[in-house]
């Protein structure tokens, strides 16, 4: 899914951006919704393997994001 008109002011400069659903191989009952930074909107290969990265949003505060494993 691509977000083109999200209402969060912090995310507006990054629009459009991808919103992805990540399912863990280790436990398919665990899912994450996240953005996919560094990957062009509308160009996400469905089913691609991803790995977690962490963005520091405040000193000592990190949020998980994902990147496609090439």
Protein backbone atom coordinates (compact mmCIF):
# COMPACT_ATOMS: atom_id res chain seq x y z
CA UNK A 1 0.00 0.00 0.00
CA UNK A 2 1.23 3.50 -0.73
CA UNK A 3 0.31 6.42 1.51
CA UNK A 4 -0.13 9.60 -0.52
CA UNK A 5 -2.22 11.79 1.76
CA UNK A 6 -1.47 10.83 5.34
CA UNK A 7 -2.39 13.40 7.94
CA UNK A 8 0.63 13.04 10.25
CA UNK A 9 2.70 16.21 9.89
CA UNK A 10 5.97 14.35 10.57
CA UNK A 11 5.33 11.97 7.66
CA UNK A 12 4.08 14.54 5.11
CA UNK A 13 7.54 15.39 3.69
CA UNK A 14 8.09 11.69 2.92
CA UNK A 15 4.85 11.17 0.97
CA UNK A 16 4.16 9.12 -0.97
CA UNK A 17 5.63 6.25 1.05
CA UNK A 18 5.12 2.51 1.21
CA UNK A 19 3.17 0.89 4.02
CA UNK A 20 4.06 -2.78 4.23
CA UNK A 21 2.92 -5.81 6.19
CA UNK A 22 5.86 -7.90 7.36
CA UNK A 23 5.24 -11.46 8.57
CA UNK A 24 7.98 -13.21 10.50
CA UNK A 25 9.22 -16.52 9.08
CA UNK A 26 9.90 -17.71 12.63
CA UNK A 27 6.29 -17.20 13.68
CA UNK A 28 3.72 -16.33 10.97
CA UNK A 29 1.28 -15.20 13.69
CA UNK A 30 3.48 -12.13 14.26
CA UNK A 31 2.98 -9.27 11.80
CA UNK A 32 4.31 -5.73 11.65
CA UNK A 33 2.97 -2.75 9.73
CA UNK A 34 5.77 -0.35 8.83
CA UNK A 35 7.10 1.96 6.21
CA UNK A 36 9.85 0.80 3.88
CA UNK A 37 12.37 3.65 3.76
CA UNK A 38 14.72 3.85 0.83
CA UNK A 39 12.45 1.97 -1.54
CA UNK A 40 10.50 3.89 -4.20
CA UNK A 41 6.74 4.09 -3.81
CA UNK A 42 4.82 1.59 -5.96
CA UNK A 43 8.01 -0.44 -6.57
CA UNK A 44 7.92 -2.90 -3.66
CA UNK A 45 8.31 -6.49 -4.82
CA UNK A 46 5.63 -8.44 -2.93
CA UNK A 47 7.05 -11.35 -1.00
CA UNK A 48 10.61 -10.01 -0.91
CA UNK A 49 12.74 -10.85 2.11
CA UNK A 50 13.33 -7.93 4.46
CA UNK A 51 15.47 -7.23 7.50
CA UNK A 52 14.82 -4.95 10.44
CA UNK A 53 16.63 -1.66 10.88
CA UNK A 54 16.10 0.89 13.65
CA UNK A 55 15.57 4.63 13.28
CA UNK A 56 16.44 6.80 16.26
CA UNK A 57 13.51 9.20 16.63
CA UNK A 58 14.74 10.77 19.88
CA UNK A 59 17.88 10.24 21.93
CA UNK A 60 17.76 6.60 23.02
CA UNK A 61 14.36 5.97 21.40
CA UNK A 62 14.30 3.70 18.36
CA UNK A 63 11.49 2.45 16.10
CA UNK A 64 11.78 -0.61 13.89
CA UNK A 65 11.64 -0.19 10.12
CA UNK A 66 12.39 -2.66 7.37
CA UNK A 67 14.54 -2.78 4.26
CA UNK A 68 14.44 -5.13 1.31
CA UNK A 69 17.31 -7.62 1.29
CA UNK A 70 18.79 -7.51 -2.20
